[in-house]
Amino acid sequence: MSGSTERADSMLTYKLRGHDSGSTSYGYYPEDGPYFGTVVSDAATGDLISRTLAPNDRHGVYLGHMVGKIADMIVNGELSDHGMIAWG
């Protein structure tokens, strides 16, 4: 089909909810939907402090991708206010 684009099998969007010297908090939205979960990580190391699964993330797959992304951003010193993660 002309003009078609490949699509990732899964994706999430995320938004920074808070950041201070002790922790960084993000909301993650599986498939860019209305339901979200939260991830709070140590602001210095990226280690997970707490998490709340999104109602539509029954197996924690989206959560796992979000935790990894936060750790990468913290280690690289490049926190973003929002973004998207896609995998397939």
N, C-alpha and C. Protein backbone atom coordinates (compact mmCIF):
# COMPACT_ATOMS: atom_id res chain seq x y z
N MET A 1 0.85 -1.17 0.00
CA MET A 1 0.00 0.00 0.00
C MET A 1 0.90 1.23 0.00
N SER A 2 0.64 2.14 -0.85
CA SER A 2 1.43 3.36 -0.98
C SER A 2 1.23 4.26 0.23
N GLY A 3 2.35 4.82 0.72
CA GLY A 3 2.27 5.76 1.83
C GLY A 3 2.14 5.10 3.19
N SER A 4 2.22 3.79 3.26
CA SER A 4 2.08 3.14 4.56
C SER A 4 3.37 3.30 5.36
N THR A 5 3.24 3.26 6.66
CA THR A 5 4.41 3.35 7.53
C THR A 5 4.41 2.16 8.46
N GLU A 6 5.61 1.74 8.85
CA GLU A 6 5.70 0.66 9.82
C GLU A 6 5.37 1.21 11.19
N ARG A 7 4.76 0.37 12.00
CA ARG A 7 4.35 0.79 13.33
C ARG A 7 4.96 -0.16 14.35
N ALA A 8 5.40 0.40 15.47
CA ALA A 8 5.91 -0.44 16.55
C ALA A 8 4.76 -1.25 17.13
N ASP A 9 5.07 -2.41 17.65
CA ASP A 9 4.03 -3.25 18.24
C ASP A 9 3.46 -2.64 19.51
N SER A 10 4.31 -2.00 20.31
CA SER A 10 3.87 -1.42 21.57
C SER A 10 4.56 -0.08 21.80
N MET A 11 3.93 0.76 22.59
CA MET A 11 4.52 2.05 22.91
C MET A 11 3.90 2.59 24.19
N LEU A 12 4.60 3.57 24.75
CA LEU A 12 4.05 4.31 25.88
C LEU A 12 4.50 5.75 25.77
N THR A 13 3.75 6.63 26.37
CA THR A 13 4.18 8.01 26.52
C THR A 13 4.41 8.24 28.00
N TYR A 14 5.22 9.25 28.30
CA TYR A 14 5.50 9.55 29.70
C TYR A 14 5.57 11.05 29.92
N LYS A 15 5.31 11.44 31.17
CA LYS A 15 5.35 12.85 31.55
C LYS A 15 6.01 12.97 32.92
N LEU A 16 6.91 13.95 33.04
CA LEU A 16 7.55 14.24 34.32
C LEU A 16 6.51 14.80 35.27
N ARG A 17 6.39 14.20 36.45
CA ARG A 17 5.42 14.66 37.44
C ARG A 17 6.09 15.46 38.55
N GLY A 18 7.38 15.21 38.78
CA GLY A 18 8.09 15.94 39.81
C GLY A 18 9.55 15.55 39.87
N HIS A 19 10.40 16.49 40.30
CA HIS A 19 11.83 16.22 40.43
C HIS A 19 12.40 17.12 41.51
N ASP A 20 13.13 16.52 42.44
CA ASP A 20 13.86 17.30 43.44
C ASP A 20 15.19 16.60 43.69
N SER A 21 15.91 17.02 44.71
CA SER A 21 17.24 16.46 44.95
C SER A 21 17.19 14.98 45.35
N GLY A 22 16.05 14.50 45.82
CA GLY A 22 15.96 13.12 46.28
C GLY A 22 15.33 12.15 45.30
N SER A 23 14.38 12.62 44.51
CA SER A 23 13.66 11.69 43.64
C SER A 23 13.15 12.34 42.37
N THR A 24 12.84 11.48 41.42
CA THR A 24 12.25 11.88 40.15
C THR A 24 11.01 11.04 39.93
N SER A 25 9.90 11.67 39.59
CA SER A 25 8.63 10.97 39.43
C SER A 25 8.08 11.17 38.02
N TYR A 26 7.70 10.08 37.39
CA TYR A 26 7.09 10.11 36.06
C TYR A 26 5.76 9.38 36.07
N GLY A 27 4.84 9.84 35.24
CA GLY A 27 3.63 9.10 34.92
C GLY A 27 3.86 8.45 33.57
N TYR A 28 3.47 7.19 33.41
CA TYR A 28 3.59 6.53 32.11
C TYR A 28 2.21 6.07 31.64
N TYR A 29 1.98 6.18 30.35
CA TYR A 29 0.67 5.94 29.75
C TYR A 29 0.79 4.87 28.66
N PRO A 30 0.46 3.60 28.98
CA PRO A 30 0.53 2.55 27.96
C PRO A 30 -0.34 2.89 26.75
N GLU A 31 0.25 2.73 25.60
CA GLU A 31 -0.44 2.99 24.32
C GLU A 31 -1.03 4.39 24.25
N ASP A 32 -0.43 5.34 24.97
CA ASP A 32 -0.86 6.74 24.99
C ASP A 32 -2.33 6.87 25.40
N GLY A 33 -2.78 5.95 26.24
CA GLY A 33 -4.18 5.93 26.66
C GLY A 33 -4.44 6.81 27.86
N PRO A 34 -5.67 6.77 28.37
CA PRO A 34 -6.06 7.62 29.49
C PRO A 34 -5.57 7.11 30.85
N TYR A 35 -5.20 5.81 30.93
CA TYR A 35 -4.78 5.23 32.20
C TYR A 35 -3.27 5.35 32.36
N PHE A 36 -2.84 5.61 33.58
CA PHE A 36 -1.40 5.77 33.78
C PHE A 36 -0.94 5.09 35.06
N GLY A 37 0.35 4.82 35.09
CA GLY A 37 1.03 4.33 36.28
C GLY A 37 2.09 5.33 36.66
N THR A 38 2.70 5.16 37.81
CA THR A 38 3.74 6.08 38.24
C THR A 38 5.01 5.33 38.60
N VAL A 39 6.13 6.00 38.40
CA VAL A 39 7.44 5.48 38.74
C VAL A 39 8.19 6.58 39.46
N VAL A 40 8.68 6.27 40.66
CA VAL A 40 9.51 7.20 41.42
C VAL A 40 10.88 6.56 41.56
N SER A 41 11.91 7.29 41.14
CA SER A 41 13.27 6.78 41.17
C SER A 41 14.18 7.72 41.96
N ASP A 42 15.25 7.16 42.49
CA ASP A 42 16.27 7.96 43.17
C ASP A 42 16.87 8.93 42.16
N ALA A 43 16.92 10.21 42.50
CA ALA A 43 17.36 11.25 41.57
C ALA A 43 18.84 11.14 41.23
N ALA A 44 19.63 10.49 42.08
CA ALA A 44 21.07 10.39 41.83
C ALA A 44 21.45 9.11 41.08
N THR A 45 20.79 8.00 41.43
CA THR A 45 21.21 6.71 40.88
C THR A 45 20.25 6.13 39.84
N GLY A 46 19.00 6.57 39.86
CA GLY A 46 17.99 5.99 38.98
C GLY A 46 17.35 4.74 39.55
N ASP A 47 17.77 4.31 40.74
CA ASP A 47 17.19 3.12 41.36
C ASP A 47 15.71 3.34 41.67
N LEU A 48 14.92 2.31 41.49
CA LEU A 48 13.48 2.37 41.72
C LEU A 48 13.19 2.56 43.21
N ILE A 49 12.38 3.56 43.54
CA ILE A 49 11.92 3.78 44.91
C ILE A 49 10.52 3.21 45.09
N SER A 50 9.62 3.56 44.18
CA SER A 50 8.25 3.05 44.24
C SER A 50 7.65 3.06 42.85
N ARG A 51 6.57 2.32 42.74
CA ARG A 51 5.87 2.27 41.45
C ARG A 51 4.43 1.88 41.66
N THR A 52 3.59 2.35 40.75
CA THR A 52 2.18 1.97 40.72
C THR A 52 1.89 1.55 39.28
N LEU A 53 1.47 0.33 39.08
CA LEU A 53 1.17 -0.15 37.73
C LEU A 53 -0.04 0.57 37.16
N ALA A 54 0.01 0.86 35.88
CA ALA A 54 -1.16 1.35 35.18
C ALA A 54 -2.18 0.20 35.12
N PRO A 55 -3.46 0.50 35.19
CA PRO A 55 -4.48 -0.57 35.17
C PRO A 55 -4.39 -1.48 33.94
N ASN A 56 -3.92 -0.94 32.83
CA ASN A 56 -3.82 -1.74 31.59
C ASN A 56 -2.39 -2.25 31.37
N ASP A 57 -1.59 -2.36 32.43
CA ASP A 57 -0.23 -2.89 32.36
C ASP A 57 -0.15 -4.09 33.30
N ARG A 58 -0.99 -5.08 33.07
CA ARG A 58 -1.14 -6.21 33.98
C ARG A 58 0.14 -6.99 34.23
N HIS A 59 1.03 -7.06 33.26
CA HIS A 59 2.24 -7.86 33.41
C HIS A 59 3.48 -7.01 33.66
N GLY A 60 3.33 -5.70 33.76
CA GLY A 60 4.44 -4.82 34.06
C GLY A 60 5.42 -4.58 32.93
N VAL A 61 5.03 -4.94 31.71
CA VAL A 61 5.93 -4.75 30.56
C VAL A 61 6.20 -3.27 30.31
N TYR A 62 5.15 -2.46 30.33
CA TYR A 62 5.31 -1.02 30.11
C TYR A 62 6.13 -0.41 31.25
N LEU A 63 5.85 -0.84 32.47
CA LEU A 63 6.59 -0.37 33.63
C LEU A 63 8.08 -0.65 33.46
N GLY A 64 8.43 -1.83 33.03
CA GLY A 64 9.83 -2.19 32.84
C GLY A 64 10.54 -1.27 31.86
N HIS A 65 9.86 -0.93 30.77
CA HIS A 65 10.45 -0.01 29.79
C HIS A 65 10.61 1.38 30.39
N MET A 66 9.64 1.80 31.18
CA MET A 66 9.72 3.14 31.79
C MET A 66 10.84 3.21 32.82
N VAL A 67 10.99 2.19 33.66
CA VAL A 67 12.05 2.18 34.67
C VAL A 67 13.41 2.26 33.99
N GLY A 68 13.59 1.51 32.93
CA GLY A 68 14.86 1.55 32.19
C GLY A 68 15.14 2.91 31.59
N LYS A 69 14.12 3.53 31.03
CA LYS A 69 14.28 4.86 30.43
C LYS A 69 14.65 5.90 31.48
N ILE A 70 14.00 5.87 32.63
CA ILE A 70 14.31 6.83 33.69
C ILE A 70 15.76 6.65 34.15
N ALA A 71 16.19 5.41 34.36
CA ALA A 71 17.56 5.16 34.78
C ALA A 71 18.55 5.72 33.75
N ASP A 72 18.28 5.49 32.47
CA ASP A 72 19.15 6.03 31.41
C ASP A 72 19.20 7.55 31.45
N MET A 73 18.03 8.19 31.60
CA MET A 73 17.99 9.65 31.62
C MET A 73 18.77 10.21 32.81
N ILE A 74 18.61 9.58 33.98
CA ILE A 74 19.31 10.07 35.18
C ILE A 74 20.81 9.89 35.03
N VAL A 75 21.25 8.73 34.58
CA VAL A 75 22.68 8.47 34.41
C VAL A 75 23.29 9.45 33.41
N ASN A 76 22.55 9.76 32.35
CA ASN A 76 23.05 10.68 31.31
C ASN A 76 22.82 12.15 31.66
N GLY A 77 22.13 12.41 32.77
CA GLY A 77 21.86 13.79 33.17
C GLY A 77 20.96 14.53 32.21
N GLU A 78 20.05 13.81 31.57
CA GLU A 78 19.19 14.40 30.55
C GLU A 78 17.72 14.06 30.80
N LEU A 79 17.13 14.60 31.86
CA LEU A 79 15.71 14.37 32.12
C LEU A 79 14.88 15.13 31.11
N SER A 80 13.84 14.49 30.62
CA SER A 80 12.93 15.18 29.71
C SER A 80 11.56 15.31 30.37
N ASP A 81 10.84 16.36 30.00
CA ASP A 81 9.51 16.61 30.56
C ASP A 81 8.48 15.60 30.08
N HIS A 82 8.69 15.09 28.87
CA HIS A 82 7.76 14.12 28.28
C HIS A 82 8.45 13.39 27.15
N GLY A 83 7.84 12.32 26.70
CA GLY A 83 8.41 11.59 25.57
C GLY A 83 7.63 10.33 25.26
N MET A 84 8.20 9.53 24.39
CA MET A 84 7.57 8.30 23.94
C MET A 84 8.65 7.21 23.87
N ILE A 85 8.25 6.00 24.17
CA ILE A 85 9.11 4.83 24.03
C ILE A 85 8.32 3.83 23.18
N ALA A 86 8.94 3.32 22.12
CA ALA A 86 8.28 2.33 21.27
C ALA A 86 9.20 1.12 21.14
N TRP A 87 8.61 -0.05 21.08
CA TRP A 87 9.36 -1.28 20.89
C TRP A 87 8.51 -2.27 20.13
N GLY A 88 9.13 -3.23 19.56
CA GLY A 88 8.37 -4.17 18.76
C GLY A 88 9.08 -5.39 18.57
